[in-house]
PDB file of N, CA and C in Angstrom:
ATOM      1  N   MET A   1      -3.316   4.401 -24.181  1.00  0.00           N
ATOM      2  CA  MET A   1      -3.831   3.987 -22.892  1.00  0.00           C
ATOM      3  C   MET A   1      -5.216   4.522 -22.713  1.00  0.00           C
ATOM      4  N   THR A   2      -6.116   3.644 -22.395  1.00  0.00           N
ATOM      5  CA  THR A   2      -7.507   4.046 -22.231  1.00  0.00           C
ATOM      6  C   THR A   2      -7.858   4.366 -20.778  1.00  0.00           C
ATOM      7  N   ASN A   3      -9.048   4.766 -20.456  1.00  0.00           N
ATOM      8  CA  ASN A   3      -9.417   5.118 -19.103  1.00  0.00           C
ATOM      9  C   ASN A   3      -9.390   3.974 -18.154  1.00  0.00           C
ATOM     10  N   THR A   4      -9.470   2.754 -18.676  1.00  0.00           N
ATOM     11  CA  THR A   4      -9.540   1.624 -17.776  1.00  0.00           C
ATOM     12  C   THR A   4      -8.153   0.893 -17.637  1.00  0.00           C
ATOM     13  N   GLU A   5      -7.125   1.607 -17.980  1.00  0.00           N
ATOM     14  CA  GLU A   5      -5.765   1.066 -17.851  1.00  0.00           C
ATOM     15  C   GLU A   5      -4.912   2.011 -17.066  1.00  0.00           C
ATOM     16  N   GLU A   6      -3.941   1.504 -16.422  1.00  0.00           N
ATOM     17  CA  GLU A   6      -2.942   2.361 -15.763  1.00  0.00           C
ATOM     18  C   GLU A   6      -1.631   1.718 -15.914  1.00  0.00           C
ATOM     19  N   ARG A   7      -0.618   2.543 -15.942  1.00  0.00           N
ATOM     20  CA  ARG A   7       0.738   2.041 -16.117  1.00  0.00           C
ATOM     21  C   ARG A   7       1.392   1.914 -14.731  1.00  0.00           C
ATOM     22  N   THR A   8       2.115   0.847 -14.592  1.00  0.00           N
ATOM     23  CA  THR A   8       2.754   0.523 -13.300  1.00  0.00           C
ATOM     24  C   THR A   8       4.265   0.319 -13.603  1.00  0.00           C
ATOM     25  N   MET A   9       5.119   0.921 -12.803  1.00  0.00           N
ATOM     26  CA  MET A   9       6.556   0.724 -12.974  1.00  0.00           C
ATOM     27  C   MET A   9       6.955  -0.629 -12.416  1.00  0.00           C
ATOM     28  N   ILE A  10       7.740  -1.366 -13.219  1.00  0.00           N
ATOM     29  CA  ILE A  10       8.265  -2.633 -12.812  1.00  0.00           C
ATOM     30  C   ILE A  10       9.823  -2.572 -13.037  1.00  0.00           C
ATOM     31  N   GLY A  11      10.512  -2.797 -11.958  1.00  0.00           N
ATOM     32  CA  GLY A  11      11.993  -2.737 -12.117  1.00  0.00           C
ATOM     33  C   GLY A  11      12.448  -1.351 -12.404  1.00  0.00           C
ATOM     34  N   HIS A  12      13.445  -1.216 -13.251  1.00  0.00           N
ATOM     35  CA  HIS A  12      14.073   0.047 -13.527  1.00  0.00           C
ATOM     36  C   HIS A  12      13.380   0.856 -14.608  1.00  0.00           C
ATOM     37  N   ASP A  13      13.276   0.342 -15.823  1.00  0.00           N
ATOM     38  CA  ASP A  13      12.771   1.131 -16.899  1.00  0.00           C
ATOM     39  C   ASP A  13      11.547   0.523 -17.574  1.00  0.00           C
ATOM     40  N   THR A  14      11.095  -0.598 -17.145  1.00  0.00           N
ATOM     41  CA  THR A  14       9.957  -1.237 -17.833  1.00  0.00           C
ATOM     42  C   THR A  14       8.665  -0.842 -17.172  1.00  0.00           C
ATOM     43  N   THR A  15       7.592  -0.775 -17.984  1.00  0.00           N
ATOM     44  CA  THR A  15       6.263  -0.468 -17.442  1.00  0.00           C
ATOM     45  C   THR A  15       5.282  -1.578 -17.918  1.00  0.00           C
ATOM     46  N   GLU A  16       4.262  -1.819 -17.123  1.00  0.00           N
ATOM     47  CA  GLU A  16       3.278  -2.806 -17.430  1.00  0.00           C
ATOM     48  C   GLU A  16       1.926  -2.136 -17.378  1.00  0.00           C
ATOM     49  N   ILE A  17       1.087  -2.473 -18.385  1.00  0.00           N
ATOM     50  CA  ILE A  17      -0.254  -1.937 -18.418  1.00  0.00           C
ATOM     51  C   ILE A  17      -1.178  -2.912 -17.772  1.00  0.00           C
ATOM     52  N   ARG A  18      -1.893  -2.500 -16.726  1.00  0.00           N
ATOM     53  CA  ARG A  18      -2.840  -3.390 -16.117  1.00  0.00           C
ATOM     54  C   ARG A  18      -4.156  -2.689 -16.010  1.00  0.00           C
ATOM     55  N   PRO A  19      -5.239  -3.453 -16.206  1.00  0.00           N
ATOM     56  CA  PRO A  19      -6.555  -2.844 -16.137  1.00  0.00           C
ATOM     57  C   PRO A  19      -6.929  -2.346 -14.763  1.00  0.00           C
ATOM     58  N   SER A  20      -7.568  -1.238 -14.701  1.00  0.00           N
ATOM     59  CA  SER A  20      -8.045  -0.703 -13.403  1.00  0.00           C
ATOM     60  C   SER A  20      -9.524  -0.776 -13.335  1.00  0.00           C
ATOM     61  N   ARG A  21     -10.108  -0.653 -12.137  1.00  0.00           N
ATOM     62  CA  ARG A  21     -11.571  -0.697 -11.983  1.00  0.00           C
ATOM     63  C   ARG A  21     -12.204   0.512 -12.659  1.00  0.00           C
ATOM     64  N   PRO A  22     -13.345   0.355 -13.251  1.00  0.00           N
ATOM     65  CA  PRO A  22     -14.063   1.498 -13.766  1.00  0.00           C
ATOM     66  C   PRO A  22     -14.581   2.366 -12.649  1.00  0.00           C
ATOM     67  N   ARG A  23     -14.515   3.657 -12.833  1.00  0.00           N
ATOM     68  CA  ARG A  23     -14.923   4.593 -11.764  1.00  0.00           C
ATOM     69  C   ARG A  23     -16.289   5.072 -11.953  1.00  0.00           C
ATOM     70  N   VAL A  24     -17.065   5.183 -10.907  1.00  0.00           N
ATOM     71  CA  VAL A  24     -18.428   5.694 -10.912  1.00  0.00           C
ATOM     72  C   VAL A  24     -18.295   7.242 -11.070  1.00  0.00           C
ATOM     73  N   SER A  25     -19.098   7.872 -11.943  1.00  0.00           N
ATOM     74  CA  SER A  25     -18.964   9.258 -12.174  1.00  0.00           C
ATOM     75  C   SER A  25     -19.450  10.079 -10.962  1.00  0.00           C
ATOM     76  N   ARG A  26     -18.916  11.222 -10.795  1.00  0.00           N
ATOM     77  CA  ARG A  26     -19.249  12.067  -9.672  1.00  0.00           C
ATOM     78  C   ARG A  26     -20.716  12.427  -9.550  1.00  0.00           C
ATOM     79  N   PRO A  27     -21.467  12.750 -10.617  1.00  0.00           N
ATOM     80  CA  PRO A  27     -22.884  12.957 -10.481  1.00  0.00           C
ATOM     81  C   PRO A  27     -23.670  11.774  -9.918  1.00  0.00           C
ATOM     82  N   VAL A  28     -23.232  10.574 -10.225  1.00  0.00           N
ATOM     83  CA  VAL A  28     -23.907   9.415  -9.676  1.00  0.00           C
ATOM     84  C   VAL A  28     -23.767   9.354  -8.167  1.00  0.00           C
ATOM     85  N   TRP A  29     -22.528   9.634  -7.655  1.00  0.00           N
ATOM     86  CA  TRP A  29     -22.302   9.671  -6.229  1.00  0.00           C
ATOM     87  C   TRP A  29     -23.168  10.746  -5.532  1.00  0.00           C
ATOM     88  N   TRP A  30     -23.255  11.928  -6.185  1.00  0.00           N
ATOM     89  CA  TRP A  30     -24.071  12.977  -5.624  1.00  0.00           C
ATOM     90  C   TRP A  30     -25.489  12.624  -5.587  1.00  0.00           C
ATOM     91  N   LEU A  31     -26.023  12.010  -6.652  1.00  0.00           N
ATOM     92  CA  LEU A  31     -27.418  11.556  -6.699  1.00  0.00           C
ATOM     93  C   LEU A  31     -27.705  10.508  -5.578  1.00  0.00           C
ATOM     94  N   LEU A  32     -26.779   9.569  -5.418  1.00  0.00           N
ATOM     95  CA  LEU A  32     -26.965   8.568  -4.387  1.00  0.00           C
ATOM     96  C   LEU A  32     -26.941   9.201  -2.957  1.00  0.00           C
ATOM     97  N   LEU A  33     -26.078  10.164  -2.804  1.00  0.00           N
ATOM     98  CA  LEU A  33     -25.952  10.882  -1.531  1.00  0.00           C
ATOM     99  C   LEU A  33     -27.295  11.581  -1.214  1.00  0.00           C
ATOM    100  N   VAL A  34     -27.857  12.294  -2.155  1.00  0.00           N
ATOM    101  CA  VAL A  34     -29.103  13.021  -1.933  1.00  0.00           C
ATOM    102  C   VAL A  34     -30.254  12.061  -1.632  1.00  0.00           C
ATOM    103  N   VAL A  35     -30.310  11.004  -2.472  1.00  0.00           N
ATOM    104  CA  VAL A  35     -31.384  10.009  -2.289  1.00  0.00           C
ATOM    105  C   VAL A  35     -31.327   9.360  -0.918  1.00  0.00           C
ATOM    106  N   CYS A  36     -30.085   8.947  -0.481  1.00  0.00           N
ATOM    107  CA  CYS A  36     -29.966   8.289   0.833  1.00  0.00           C
ATOM    108  C   CYS A  36     -30.233   9.290   1.954  1.00  0.00           C
ATOM    109  N   ALA A  37     -29.830  10.555   1.796  1.00  0.00           N
ATOM    110  CA  ALA A  37     -30.104  11.526   2.852  1.00  0.00           C
ATOM    111  C   ALA A  37     -31.585  11.777   2.976  1.00  0.00           C
ATOM    112  N   VAL A  38     -32.285  11.917   1.863  1.00  0.00           N
ATOM    113  CA  VAL A  38     -33.736  12.118   1.907  1.00  0.00           C
ATOM    114  C   VAL A  38     -34.462  10.877   2.529  1.00  0.00           C
ATOM    115  N   CYS A  39     -34.068   9.676   2.134  1.00  0.00           N
ATOM    116  CA  CYS A  39     -34.647   8.492   2.681  1.00  0.00           C
ATOM    117  C   CYS A  39     -34.342   8.402   4.162  1.00  0.00           C
ATOM    118  N   ASN A  40     -33.151   8.814   4.586  1.00  0.00           N
ATOM    119  CA  ASN A  40     -32.806   8.802   5.980  1.00  0.00           C
ATOM    120  C   ASN A  40     -33.683   9.727   6.748  1.00  0.00           C
ATOM    121  N   MET A  41     -33.951  10.971   6.234  1.00  0.00           N
ATOM    122  CA  MET A  41     -34.836  11.868   6.947  1.00  0.00           C
ATOM    123  C   MET A  41     -36.247  11.354   6.977  1.00  0.00           C
ATOM    124  N   ALA A  42     -36.725  10.741   5.839  1.00  0.00           N
ATOM    125  CA  ALA A  42     -38.117  10.268   5.838  1.00  0.00           C
ATOM    126  C   ALA A  42     -38.306   9.150   6.806  1.00  0.00           C
ATOM    127  N   THR A  43     -37.352   8.236   6.867  1.00  0.00           N
ATOM    128  CA  THR A  43     -37.531   7.094   7.790  1.00  0.00           C
ATOM    129  C   THR A  43     -37.363   7.564   9.239  1.00  0.00           C
ATOM    130  N   SER A  44     -36.608   8.604   9.465  1.00  0.00           N
ATOM    131  CA  SER A  44     -36.450   9.047  10.854  1.00  0.00           C
ATOM    132  C   SER A  44     -37.739   9.729  11.325  1.00  0.00           C
ATOM    133  N   MET A  45     -38.550  10.297  10.442  1.00  0.00           N
ATOM    134  CA  MET A  45     -39.767  10.952  10.844  1.00  0.00           C
ATOM    135  C   MET A  45     -40.930   9.969  10.841  1.00  0.00           C
ATOM    136  N   SER A  46     -40.782   8.809  10.258  1.00  0.00           N
ATOM    137  CA  SER A  46     -41.922   7.849  10.222  1.00  0.00           C
ATOM    138  C   SER A  46     -41.772   6.802  11.331  1.00  0.00           C
ATOM    139  N   ASP A  47     -42.683   5.902  11.382  1.00  0.00           N
ATOM    140  CA  ASP A  47     -42.723   4.852  12.391  1.00  0.00           C
ATOM    141  C   ASP A  47     -41.943   3.633  11.998  1.00  0.00           C
ATOM    142  N   LEU A  48     -41.141   3.663  10.953  1.00  0.00           N
ATOM    143  CA  LEU A  48     -40.333   2.546  10.584  1.00  0.00           C
ATOM    144  C   LEU A  48     -39.279   2.287  11.629  1.00  0.00           C
ATOM    145  N   HIS A  49     -38.764   1.032  11.616  1.00  0.00           N
ATOM    146  CA  HIS A  49     -37.725   0.619  12.549  1.00  0.00           C
ATOM    147  C   HIS A  49     -36.468   1.527  12.439  1.00  0.00           C
ATOM    148  N   PHE A  50     -35.835   1.807  13.515  1.00  0.00           N
ATOM    149  CA  PHE A  50     -34.701   2.737  13.447  1.00  0.00           C
ATOM    150  C   PHE A  50     -33.542   2.213  12.685  1.00  0.00           C
ATOM    151  N   LEU A  51     -33.401   0.891  12.504  1.00  0.00           N
ATOM    152  CA  LEU A  51     -32.348   0.334  11.707  1.00  0.00           C
ATOM    153  C   LEU A  51     -32.475   0.641  10.271  1.00  0.00           C
ATOM    154  N   VAL A  52     -33.666   0.862   9.746  1.00  0.00           N
ATOM    155  CA  VAL A  52     -33.826   1.256   8.373  1.00  0.00           C
ATOM    156  C   VAL A  52     -33.234   2.659   8.154  1.00  0.00           C
ATOM    157  N   GLY A  53     -33.551   3.571   9.030  1.00  0.00           N
ATOM    158  CA  GLY A  53     -32.988   4.927   8.933  1.00  0.00           C
ATOM    159  C   GLY A  53     -31.450   4.940   9.163  1.00  0.00           C
ATOM    160  N   ALA A  54     -30.961   4.049  10.061  1.00  0.00           N
ATOM    161  CA  ALA A  54     -29.565   3.952  10.237  1.00  0.00           C
ATOM    162  C   ALA A  54     -28.871   3.466   9.016  1.00  0.00           C
ATOM    163  N   GLY A  55     -29.448   2.501   8.321  1.00  0.00           N
ATOM    164  CA  GLY A  55     -28.875   1.964   7.074  1.00  0.00           C
ATOM    165  C   GLY A  55     -28.757   3.047   6.012  1.00  0.00           C
ATOM    166  N   PHE A  56     -29.814   3.863   5.866  1.00  0.00           N
ATOM    167  CA  PHE A  56     -29.744   4.947   4.938  1.00  0.00           C
ATOM    168  C   PHE A  56     -28.700   5.972   5.332  1.00  0.00           C
ATOM    169  N   GLY A  57     -28.586   6.161   6.628  1.00  0.00           N
ATOM    170  CA  GLY A  57     -27.588   7.116   7.105  1.00  0.00           C
ATOM    171  C   GLY A  57     -26.159   6.648   6.814  1.00  0.00           C
ATOM    172  N   LEU A  58     -25.908   5.296   6.998  1.00  0.00           N
ATOM    173  CA  LEU A  58     -24.604   4.741   6.729  1.00  0.00           C
ATOM    174  C   LEU A  58     -24.319   4.822   5.227  1.00  0.00           C
ATOM    175  N   ALA A  59     -25.364   4.567   4.422  1.00  0.00           N
ATOM    176  CA  ALA A  59     -25.164   4.613   2.968  1.00  0.00           C
ATOM    177  C   ALA A  59     -24.866   6.072   2.535  1.00  0.00           C
ATOM    178  N   ALA A  60     -25.487   7.095   3.128  1.00  0.00           N
ATOM    179  CA  ALA A  60     -25.200   8.425   2.811  1.00  0.00           C
ATOM    180  C   ALA A  60     -23.779   8.809   3.232  1.00  0.00           C
ATOM    181  N   GLY A  61     -23.364   8.288   4.382  1.00  0.00           N
ATOM    182  CA  GLY A  61     -21.968   8.503   4.829  1.00  0.00           C
ATOM    183  C   GLY A  61     -20.979   7.900   3.895  1.00  0.00           C
ATOM    184  N   GLY A  62     -21.282   6.670   3.366  1.00  0.00           N
ATOM    185  CA  GLY A  62     -20.414   6.028   2.430  1.00  0.00           C
ATOM    186  C   GLY A  62     -20.298   6.833   1.129  1.00  0.00           C
ATOM    187  N   CYS A  63     -21.413   7.348   0.677  1.00  0.00           N
ATOM    188  CA  CYS A  63     -21.369   8.170  -0.575  1.00  0.00           C
ATOM    189  C   CYS A  63     -20.526   9.424  -0.312  1.00  0.00           C
ATOM    190  N   ALA A  64     -20.680  10.037   0.804  1.00  0.00           N
ATOM    191  CA  ALA A  64     -19.906  11.211   1.081  1.00  0.00           C
ATOM    192  C   ALA A  64     -18.406  10.906   1.190  1.00  0.00           C
ATOM    193  N   ALA A  65     -18.090   9.730   1.798  1.00  0.00           N
ATOM    194  CA  ALA A  65     -16.689   9.327   1.838  1.00  0.00           C
ATOM    195  C   ALA A  65     -16.139   9.073   0.495  1.00  0.00           C
ATOM    196  N   ALA A  66     -16.872   8.438  -0.384  1.00  0.00           N
ATOM    197  CA  ALA A  66     -16.457   8.172  -1.784  1.00  0.00           C
ATOM    198  C   ALA A  66     -16.177   9.459  -2.538  1.00  0.00           C
ATOM    199  N   LEU A  67     -17.049  10.483  -2.311  1.00  0.00           N
ATOM    200  CA  LEU A  67     -16.822  11.775  -2.983  1.00  0.00           C
ATOM    201  C   LEU A  67     -15.525  12.416  -2.444  1.00  0.00           C
ATOM    202  N   ILE A  68     -15.307  12.327  -1.171  1.00  0.00           N
ATOM    203  CA  ILE A  68     -14.094  12.987  -0.568  1.00  0.00           C
ATOM    204  C   ILE A  68     -12.858  12.270  -1.114  1.00  0.00           C
ATOM    205  N   VAL A  69     -12.843  10.912  -1.131  1.00  0.00           N
ATOM    206  CA  VAL A  69     -11.677  10.142  -1.626  1.00  0.00           C
ATOM    207  C   VAL A  69     -11.437  10.471  -3.110  1.00  0.00           C
ATOM    208  N   ARG A  70     -12.518  10.535  -3.867  1.00  0.00           N
ATOM    209  CA  ARG A  70     -12.328  10.862  -5.270  1.00  0.00           C
ATOM    210  C   ARG A  70     -11.798  12.271  -5.485  1.00  0.00           C
ATOM    211  N   HIS A  71     -12.270  13.212  -4.698  1.00  0.00           N
ATOM    212  CA  HIS A  71     -11.790  14.582  -4.787  1.00  0.00           C
ATOM    213  C   HIS A  71     -10.292  14.668  -4.506  1.00  0.00           C
ATOM    214  N   HIS A  72      -9.849  14.005  -3.432  1.00  0.00           N
ATOM    215  CA  HIS A  72      -8.421  14.039  -3.119  1.00  0.00           C
ATOM    216  C   HIS A  72      -7.587  13.300  -4.170  1.00  0.00           C
ATOM    217  N   ALA A  73      -8.078  12.208  -4.724  1.00  0.00           N
ATOM    218  CA  ALA A  73      -7.374  11.493  -5.731  1.00  0.00           C
ATOM    219  C   ALA A  73      -7.228  12.313  -7.043  1.00  0.00           C
ATOM    220  N   ASP A  74      -8.304  13.106  -7.351  1.00  0.00           N
ATOM    221  CA  ASP A  74      -8.233  13.898  -8.562  1.00  0.00           C
ATOM    222  C   ASP A  74      -7.311  15.118  -8.345  1.00  0.00           C
ATOM    223  N   ARG A  75      -7.193  15.604  -7.115  1.00  0.00           N
ATOM    224  CA  ARG A  75      -6.304  16.743  -6.850  1.00  0.00           C
ATOM    225  C   ARG A  75      -4.836  16.335  -6.972  1.00  0.00           C
ATOM    226  N   ARG A  76      -4.517  15.075  -6.702  1.00  0.00           N
ATOM    227  CA  ARG A  76      -3.124  14.616  -6.735  1.00  0.00           C
ATOM    228  C   ARG A  76      -2.574  14.381  -8.130  1.00  0.00           C
ATOM    229  N   ARG A  77      -3.459  14.338  -9.138  1.00  0.00           N
ATOM    230  CA  ARG A  77      -3.064  14.076 -10.560  1.00  0.00           C
ATOM    231  C   ARG A  77      -2.474  15.258 -11.146  1.00  0.00           C
TER     232      ARG A  77
END
């Protein structure tokens, strides 16, 4: 069984191997979080439209949520 497969129980004793989505590594999420947070701060201090800063803020929140979900998923294994 490779990293991109997971076993699923079907019926009583049979299992099926189905491909799972590839996971983004944790350092990539942290890098995206830092970049989005810095861009959010920079756009908040500049004269750019507030929606640009809000977009970076939402992206940073999404990265943080992905890190939290991944942390809890890894703890359950």
